[in-house]
Amino acid sequence: MRAALLLVTSKRGLAGGFNTNLNKEAKRRIEMLEAQGYGVDLHIVGRKGIGFFKYLGRKLETARIDIGDRPTVEHARELVESLIEGFGSGRLASVDLVYAKFVSTIPTPPTTLRRLPVEAASASQTGIRPECSRKPGPAGSPDKPLPPWARGAAYRGLVETAAAEHGARRTAMKNATDNAGEILELLKRTYNRQRQAQITQEIAEIVGGASALQG
């Protein structure tokens, strides 16, 4: 039995450990699925994830670098259409999404969510009582709500990762600017100390020479 994993990364660097954390989370999830006996179909968005798993020698079912920091619903549809079909036909047992959850501009933790099959959190887990519950009829769960829901879930992953990438890059650039400022201040102090020491030495030599002439 096979399982699919959709990883969303960025296509550019200079964002600190943003992409590294996403790649590590995806690698951990793949290893867990393989330990359970599943073969994993890997679908990746973003040059950083593609490069990482190609370096590891992983086969990629999908590699998209054309989805930038402005993802659309159409992008999400293109990504999940084959996954929905594979799950509906029974070829795929599950579909997992690895993305950067946007909490704020600073915490953007890599997150793994199971998108298919649909797993609703219980009220005891969320603390929220659902307004309604849907139970399958005699023929099972309806198929029509599934594609829109899966597309929406994929779109959420794309959008949150894009927002988290901007936040991570802003934080990384601020840290780099602060570090550069600290180094500049250190160099200024070092230069001033050396310059002062040189001036003091020259004054001492002049005074010593004048004393010798008077002497």
C-alpha atoms as a PDB file:
ATOM      1  CA  MET A   1       0.000   0.000   0.000  1.00  0.00           C
ATOM      2  CA  ARG A   2       1.194   3.478  -0.806  1.00  0.00           C
ATOM      3  CA  ALA A   3       0.848   6.831   0.948  1.00  0.00           C
ATOM      4  CA  ALA A   4       1.368  10.322  -0.446  1.00  0.00           C
ATOM      5  CA  LEU A   5       3.156  13.226   1.182  1.00  0.00           C
ATOM      6  CA  LEU A   6       2.851  16.805  -0.079  1.00  0.00           C
ATOM      7  CA  LEU A   7       5.656  19.091   1.118  1.00  0.00           C
ATOM      8  CA  VAL A   8       5.470  22.870   0.706  1.00  0.00           C
ATOM      9  CA  THR A   9       8.744  24.831   0.903  1.00  0.00           C
ATOM     10  CA  SER A  10      10.028  28.085  -0.568  1.00  0.00           C
ATOM     11  CA  LYS A  11      11.979  28.599  -3.766  1.00  0.00           C
ATOM     12  CA  ARG A  12      14.477  31.014  -2.180  1.00  0.00           C
ATOM     13  CA  GLY A  13      16.822  30.911   0.772  1.00  0.00           C
ATOM     14  CA  LEU A  14      17.935  33.621   3.211  1.00  0.00           C
ATOM     15  CA  ALA A  15      15.163  32.651   5.619  1.00  0.00           C
ATOM     16  CA  GLY A  16      17.156  31.147   8.455  1.00  0.00           C
ATOM     17  CA  GLY A  17      16.209  27.556   9.297  1.00  0.00           C
ATOM     18  CA  PHE A  18      12.769  27.852   7.663  1.00  0.00           C
ATOM     19  CA  ASN A  19      13.282  25.358   4.827  1.00  0.00           C
ATOM     20  CA  THR A  20      15.637  23.150   6.830  1.00  0.00           C
ATOM     21  CA  ASN A  21      12.955  22.596   9.464  1.00  0.00           C
ATOM     22  CA  LEU A  22      10.333  21.779   6.828  1.00  0.00           C
ATOM     23  CA  ASN A  23      12.629  19.279   5.118  1.00  0.00           C
ATOM     24  CA  LYS A  24      13.473  17.617   8.427  1.00  0.00           C
ATOM     25  CA  GLU A  25       9.779  17.314   9.308  1.00  0.00           C
ATOM     26  CA  ALA A  26       8.995  15.767   5.914  1.00  0.00           C
ATOM     27  CA  LYS A  27      11.921  13.343   6.228  1.00  0.00           C
ATOM     28  CA  ARG A  28      10.742  12.323   9.701  1.00  0.00           C
ATOM     29  CA  ARG A  29       7.206  11.706   8.406  1.00  0.00           C
ATOM     30  CA  ILE A  30       8.460   9.665   5.452  1.00  0.00           C
ATOM     31  CA  GLU A  31      10.563   7.483   7.732  1.00  0.00           C
ATOM     32  CA  MET A  32       7.565   6.941  10.015  1.00  0.00           C
ATOM     33  CA  LEU A  33       5.326   5.913   7.105  1.00  0.00           C
ATOM     34  CA  GLU A  34       7.964   3.568   5.715  1.00  0.00           C
ATOM     35  CA  ALA A  35       8.402   2.018   9.153  1.00  0.00           C
ATOM     36  CA  GLN A  36       4.668   1.243   9.046  1.00  0.00           C
ATOM     37  CA  GLY A  37       5.141  -0.583   5.744  1.00  0.00           C
ATOM     38  CA  TYR A  38       3.977   2.113   3.303  1.00  0.00           C
ATOM     39  CA  GLY A  39       5.671   3.139   0.114  1.00  0.00           C
ATOM     40  CA  VAL A  40       5.716   6.943  -0.076  1.00  0.00           C
ATOM     41  CA  ASP A  41       4.894   9.053  -3.139  1.00  0.00           C
ATOM     42  CA  LEU A  42       6.627  12.395  -2.626  1.00  0.00           C
ATOM     43  CA  HIS A  43       5.123  15.608  -4.031  1.00  0.00           C
ATOM     44  CA  ILE A  44       7.093  18.816  -3.405  1.00  0.00           C
ATOM     45  CA  VAL A  45       6.462  22.505  -3.954  1.00  0.00           C
ATOM     46  CA  GLY A  46       9.499  24.801  -3.789  1.00  0.00           C
ATOM     47  CA  ARG A  47      13.084  24.620  -4.985  1.00  0.00           C
ATOM     48  CA  LYS A  48      14.514  24.138  -1.486  1.00  0.00           C
ATOM     49  CA  GLY A  49      12.554  20.969  -0.795  1.00  0.00           C
ATOM     50  CA  ILE A  50      13.179  19.603  -4.280  1.00  0.00           C
ATOM     51  CA  GLY A  51      16.928  20.120  -3.974  1.00  0.00           C
ATOM     52  CA  PHE A  52      17.075  18.516  -0.524  1.00  0.00           C
ATOM     53  CA  PHE A  53      15.271  15.304  -1.462  1.00  0.00           C
ATOM     54  CA  LYS A  54      17.026  15.001  -4.811  1.00  0.00           C
ATOM     55  CA  TYR A  55      20.282  15.146  -2.876  1.00  0.00           C
ATOM     56  CA  LEU A  56      18.997  12.271  -0.722  1.00  0.00           C
ATOM     57  CA  GLY A  57      18.208  10.312  -3.895  1.00  0.00           C
ATOM     58  CA  ARG A  58      14.444  10.334  -3.422  1.00  0.00           C
ATOM     59  CA  LYS A  59      12.156   9.902  -6.396  1.00  0.00           C
ATOM     60  CA  LEU A  60       9.731  12.805  -6.771  1.00  0.00           C
ATOM     61  CA  GLU A  61       6.266  12.227  -8.163  1.00  0.00           C
ATOM     62  CA  THR A  62       5.650  15.986  -8.452  1.00  0.00           C
ATOM     63  CA  ALA A  63       8.169  18.832  -8.363  1.00  0.00           C
ATOM     64  CA  ARG A  64       6.714  22.337  -8.692  1.00  0.00           C
ATOM     65  CA  ILE A  65       8.915  25.432  -8.658  1.00  0.00           C
ATOM     66  CA  ASP A  66       6.485  27.693 -10.529  1.00  0.00           C
ATOM     67  CA  ILE A  67       4.272  28.335  -7.483  1.00  0.00           C
ATOM     68  CA  GLY A  68       5.798  31.442  -5.942  1.00  0.00           C
ATOM     69  CA  ASP A  69       4.758  33.509  -2.964  1.00  0.00           C
ATOM     70  CA  ARG A  70       1.316  34.151  -4.481  1.00  0.00           C
ATOM     71  CA  PRO A  71      -0.373  30.743  -4.625  1.00  0.00           C
ATOM     72  CA  THR A  72      -3.868  30.445  -6.052  1.00  0.00           C
ATOM     73  CA  VAL A  73      -6.762  28.033  -5.704  1.00  0.00           C
ATOM     74  CA  GLU A  74      -5.908  26.779  -9.188  1.00  0.00           C
ATOM     75  CA  HIS A  75      -2.438  25.825  -7.982  1.00  0.00           C
ATOM     76  CA  ALA A  76      -3.999  23.874  -5.124  1.00  0.00           C
ATOM     77  CA  ARG A  77      -6.374  22.107  -7.513  1.00  0.00           C
ATOM     78  CA  GLU A  78      -3.496  21.058  -9.768  1.00  0.00           C
ATOM     79  CA  LEU A  79      -1.587  19.665  -6.806  1.00  0.00           C
ATOM     80  CA  VAL A  80      -4.338  17.572  -5.222  1.00  0.00           C
ATOM     81  CA  GLU A  81      -6.328  16.384  -8.233  1.00  0.00           C
ATOM     82  CA  SER A  82      -4.229  13.275  -8.795  1.00  0.00           C
ATOM     83  CA  LEU A  83      -4.024  12.654  -5.034  1.00  0.00           C
ATOM     84  CA  ILE A  84      -7.816  12.731  -4.696  1.00  0.00           C
ATOM     85  CA  GLU A  85      -8.123  10.354  -7.612  1.00  0.00           C
ATOM     86  CA  GLY A  86      -5.510   8.011  -6.151  1.00  0.00           C
ATOM     87  CA  PHE A  87      -7.209   8.006  -2.764  1.00  0.00           C
ATOM     88  CA  GLY A  88     -10.645   7.471  -4.276  1.00  0.00           C
ATOM     89  CA  SER A  89      -9.435   4.529  -6.354  1.00  0.00           C
ATOM     90  CA  GLY A  90      -7.770   2.913  -3.360  1.00  0.00           C
ATOM     91  CA  ARG A  91      -4.226   3.269  -4.709  1.00  0.00           C
ATOM     92  CA  LEU A  92      -3.315   5.671  -1.895  1.00  0.00           C
ATOM     93  CA  ALA A  93      -4.069   4.856   1.727  1.00  0.00           C
ATOM     94  CA  SER A  94      -3.475   8.405   2.963  1.00  0.00           C
ATOM     95  CA  VAL A  95      -2.335  11.884   1.982  1.00  0.00           C
ATOM     96  CA  ASP A  96      -0.255  13.972   4.403  1.00  0.00           C
ATOM     97  CA  LEU A  97       0.564  17.671   4.086  1.00  0.00           C
ATOM     98  CA  VAL A  98       3.757  19.175   5.503  1.00  0.00           C
ATOM     99  CA  TYR A  99       3.727  22.967   5.615  1.00  0.00           C
ATOM    100  CA  ALA A 100       4.733  25.930   7.787  1.00  0.00           C
ATOM    101  CA  LYS A 101       1.904  26.866  10.106  1.00  0.00           C
ATOM    102  CA  PHE A 102       1.612  30.645  10.341  1.00  0.00           C
ATOM    103  CA  VAL A 103       1.142  31.539  14.003  1.00  0.00           C
ATOM    104  CA  SER A 104       2.769  34.970  13.755  1.00  0.00           C
ATOM    105  CA  THR A 105       5.791  36.474  12.032  1.00  0.00           C
ATOM    106  CA  ILE A 106       8.120  34.775  14.514  1.00  0.00           C
ATOM    107  CA  PRO A 107       6.804  31.249  15.306  1.00  0.00           C
ATOM    108  CA  THR A 108       6.174  29.365  12.049  1.00  0.00           C
ATOM    109  CA  PRO A 109       6.490  25.725  13.124  1.00  0.00           C
ATOM    110  CA  PRO A 110       6.660  22.961  10.497  1.00  0.00           C
ATOM    111  CA  THR A 111       3.408  21.035  10.742  1.00  0.00           C
ATOM    112  CA  THR A 112       2.181  17.700   9.415  1.00  0.00           C
ATOM    113  CA  LEU A 113      -1.546  17.204   8.874  1.00  0.00           C
ATOM    114  CA  ARG A 114      -3.353  14.197   7.477  1.00  0.00           C
ATOM    115  CA  ARG A 115      -5.624  15.529   4.729  1.00  0.00           C
ATOM    116  CA  LEU A 116      -6.988  12.210   3.459  1.00  0.00           C
ATOM    117  CA  PRO A 117      -8.749  10.338   4.871  1.00  0.00           C
ATOM    118  CA  VAL A 118     -10.567  13.145   6.683  1.00  0.00           C
ATOM    119  CA  GLU A 119      -9.849  12.988  10.394  1.00  0.00           C
ATOM    120  CA  ALA A 120     -11.937  15.323  12.501  1.00  0.00           C
ATOM    121  CA  ALA A 121     -10.594  16.309  15.903  1.00  0.00           C
ATOM    122  CA  SER A 122     -12.793  15.357  18.822  1.00  0.00           C
ATOM    123  CA  ALA A 123     -14.291  17.904  21.208  1.00  0.00           C
ATOM    124  CA  SER A 124     -12.000  16.615  23.958  1.00  0.00           C
ATOM    125  CA  GLN A 125      -8.965  17.485  21.799  1.00  0.00           C
ATOM    126  CA  THR A 126     -10.064  20.937  20.705  1.00  0.00           C
ATOM    127  CA  GLY A 127     -12.297  21.988  23.573  1.00  0.00           C
ATOM    128  CA  ILE A 128     -14.894  23.044  20.993  1.00  0.00           C
ATOM    129  CA  ARG A 129     -18.152  21.239  20.534  1.00  0.00           C
ATOM    130  CA  PRO A 130     -18.974  20.804  16.834  1.00  0.00           C
ATOM    131  CA  GLU A 131     -22.097  22.580  15.631  1.00  0.00           C
ATOM    132  CA  CYS A 132     -23.163  19.563  13.610  1.00  0.00           C
ATOM    133  CA  SER A 133     -21.950  16.081  12.808  1.00  0.00           C
ATOM    134  CA  ARG A 134     -22.055  14.241   9.508  1.00  0.00           C
ATOM    135  CA  LYS A 135     -22.497  10.517   9.414  1.00  0.00           C
ATOM    136  CA  PRO A 136     -22.170   8.392   6.303  1.00  0.00           C
ATOM    137  CA  GLY A 137     -25.306   6.945   4.840  1.00  0.00           C
ATOM    138  CA  PRO A 138     -25.804   3.357   3.704  1.00  0.00           C
ATOM    139  CA  ALA A 139     -23.605   3.933   0.666  1.00  0.00           C
ATOM    140  CA  GLY A 140     -20.787   5.495   2.697  1.00  0.00           C
ATOM    141  CA  SER A 141     -19.527   9.080   2.828  1.00  0.00           C
ATOM    142  CA  PRO A 142     -20.522  11.377  -0.019  1.00  0.00           C
ATOM    143  CA  ASP A 143     -17.827  11.936  -2.613  1.00  0.00           C
ATOM    144  CA  LYS A 144     -18.766  15.447  -3.744  1.00  0.00           C
ATOM    145  CA  PRO A 145     -17.573  17.388  -0.638  1.00  0.00           C
ATOM    146  CA  LEU A 146     -14.184  15.662  -0.741  1.00  0.00           C
ATOM    147  CA  PRO A 147     -12.465  17.419  -3.698  1.00  0.00           C
ATOM    148  CA  PRO A 148     -13.357  20.986  -2.596  1.00  0.00           C
ATOM    149  CA  TRP A 149     -12.284  20.219   0.959  1.00  0.00           C
ATOM    150  CA  ALA A 150      -8.965  18.735  -0.166  1.00  0.00           C
ATOM    151  CA  ARG A 151      -8.302  21.677  -2.471  1.00  0.00           C
ATOM    152  CA  GLY A 152      -9.060  24.101   0.345  1.00  0.00           C
ATOM    153  CA  ALA A 153      -6.707  22.249   2.662  1.00  0.00           C
ATOM    154  CA  ALA A 154      -3.918  22.345   0.070  1.00  0.00           C
ATOM    155  CA  TYR A 155      -4.557  26.029  -0.578  1.00  0.00           C
ATOM    156  CA  ARG A 156      -4.303  26.725   3.139  1.00  0.00           C
ATOM    157  CA  GLY A 157      -0.935  24.965   3.224  1.00  0.00           C
ATOM    158  CA  LEU A 158       0.346  27.009   0.283  1.00  0.00           C
ATOM    159  CA  VAL A 159      -0.871  30.343   1.657  1.00  0.00           C
ATOM    160  CA  GLU A 160       0.290  29.807   5.243  1.00  0.00           C
ATOM    161  CA  THR A 161       3.711  28.637   4.083  1.00  0.00           C
ATOM    162  CA  ALA A 162       4.065  31.712   1.857  1.00  0.00           C
ATOM    163  CA  ALA A 163       3.137  33.994   4.762  1.00  0.00           C
ATOM    164  CA  ALA A 164       5.427  32.111   7.133  1.00  0.00           C
ATOM    165  CA  GLU A 165       8.284  32.381   4.628  1.00  0.00           C
ATOM    166  CA  HIS A 166       7.987  36.174   4.562  1.00  0.00           C
ATOM    167  CA  GLY A 167       7.954  36.264   8.355  1.00  0.00           C
ATOM    168  CA  ALA A 168      10.971  33.958   8.616  1.00  0.00           C
ATOM    169  CA  ARG A 169      12.907  35.975   6.020  1.00  0.00           C
ATOM    170  CA  ARG A 170      12.115  39.234   7.819  1.00  0.00           C
ATOM    171  CA  THR A 171      13.323  37.751  11.112  1.00  0.00           C
ATOM    172  CA  ALA A 172      16.473  36.356   9.483  1.00  0.00           C
ATOM    173  CA  MET A 173      17.280  39.685   7.834  1.00  0.00           C
ATOM    174  CA  LYS A 174      16.701  41.575  11.095  1.00  0.00           C
ATOM    175  CA  ASN A 175      19.013  39.182  12.929  1.00  0.00           C
ATOM    176  CA  ALA A 176      21.635  39.574  10.211  1.00  0.00           C
ATOM    177  CA  THR A 177      21.358  43.374  10.383  1.00  0.00           C
ATOM    178  CA  ASP A 178      21.652  43.347  14.178  1.00  0.00           C
ATOM    179  CA  ASN A 179      24.680  41.040  14.018  1.00  0.00           C
ATOM    180  CA  ALA A 180      26.330  43.262  11.387  1.00  0.00           C
ATOM    181  CA  GLY A 181      25.742  46.298  13.613  1.00  0.00           C
ATOM    182  CA  GLU A 182      27.346  44.544  16.579  1.00  0.00           C
ATOM    183  CA  ILE A 183      30.376  43.547  14.495  1.00  0.00           C
ATOM    184  CA  LEU A 184      30.698  47.112  13.202  1.00  0.00           C
ATOM    185  CA  GLU A 185      30.672  48.500  16.744  1.00  0.00           C
ATOM    186  CA  LEU A 186      33.293  45.941  17.800  1.00  0.00           C
ATOM    187  CA  LEU A 187      35.526  46.867  14.861  1.00  0.00           C
ATOM    188  CA  LYS A 188      35.142  50.581  15.644  1.00  0.00           C
ATOM    189  CA  ARG A 189      36.155  50.050  19.284  1.00  0.00           C
ATOM    190  CA  THR A 190      39.111  47.884  18.247  1.00  0.00           C
ATOM    191  CA  TYR A 191      40.289  50.462  15.704  1.00  0.00           C
ATOM    192  CA  ASN A 192      39.925  53.341  18.171  1.00  0.00           C
ATOM    193  CA  ARG A 193      41.909  51.493  20.853  1.00  0.00           C
ATOM    194  CA  GLN A 194      44.716  50.727  18.415  1.00  0.00           C
ATOM    195  CA  ARG A 195      44.716  54.310  17.117  1.00  0.00           C
ATOM    196  CA  GLN A 196      44.806  55.699  20.654  1.00  0.00           C
ATOM    197  CA  ALA A 197      47.636  53.351  21.584  1.00  0.00           C
ATOM    198  CA  GLN A 198      49.615  54.477  18.536  1.00  0.00           C
ATOM    199  CA  ILE A 199      49.057  58.170  19.359  1.00  0.00           C
ATOM    200  CA  THR A 200      50.074  57.592  22.980  1.00  0.00           C
ATOM    201  CA  GLN A 201      53.239  55.821  21.847  1.00  0.00           C
ATOM    202  CA  GLU A 202      54.138  58.666  19.464  1.00  0.00           C
ATOM    203  CA  ILE A 203      53.612  61.262  22.213  1.00  0.00           C
ATOM    204  CA  ALA A 204      55.780  59.236  24.564  1.00  0.00           C
ATOM    205  CA  GLU A 205      58.549  59.060  21.958  1.00  0.00           C
ATOM    206  CA  ILE A 206      58.359  62.820  21.344  1.00  0.00           C
ATOM    207  CA  VAL A 207      58.497  63.577  25.070  1.00  0.00           C
ATOM    208  CA  GLY A 208      61.361  61.137  25.515  1.00  0.00           C
ATOM    209  CA  GLY A 209      63.293  62.715  22.652  1.00  0.00           C
ATOM    210  CA  ALA A 210      62.753  66.223  23.971  1.00  0.00           C
ATOM    211  CA  SER A 211      63.924  65.155  27.418  1.00  0.00           C
ATOM    212  CA  ALA A 212      67.061  63.644  25.923  1.00  0.00           C
ATOM    213  CA  LEU A 213      67.868  66.870  24.065  1.00  0.00           C
ATOM    214  CA  GLN A 214      67.414  68.915  27.213  1.00  0.00           C
ATOM    215  CA  GLY A 215      69.311  66.456  29.236  1.00  0.00           C
END
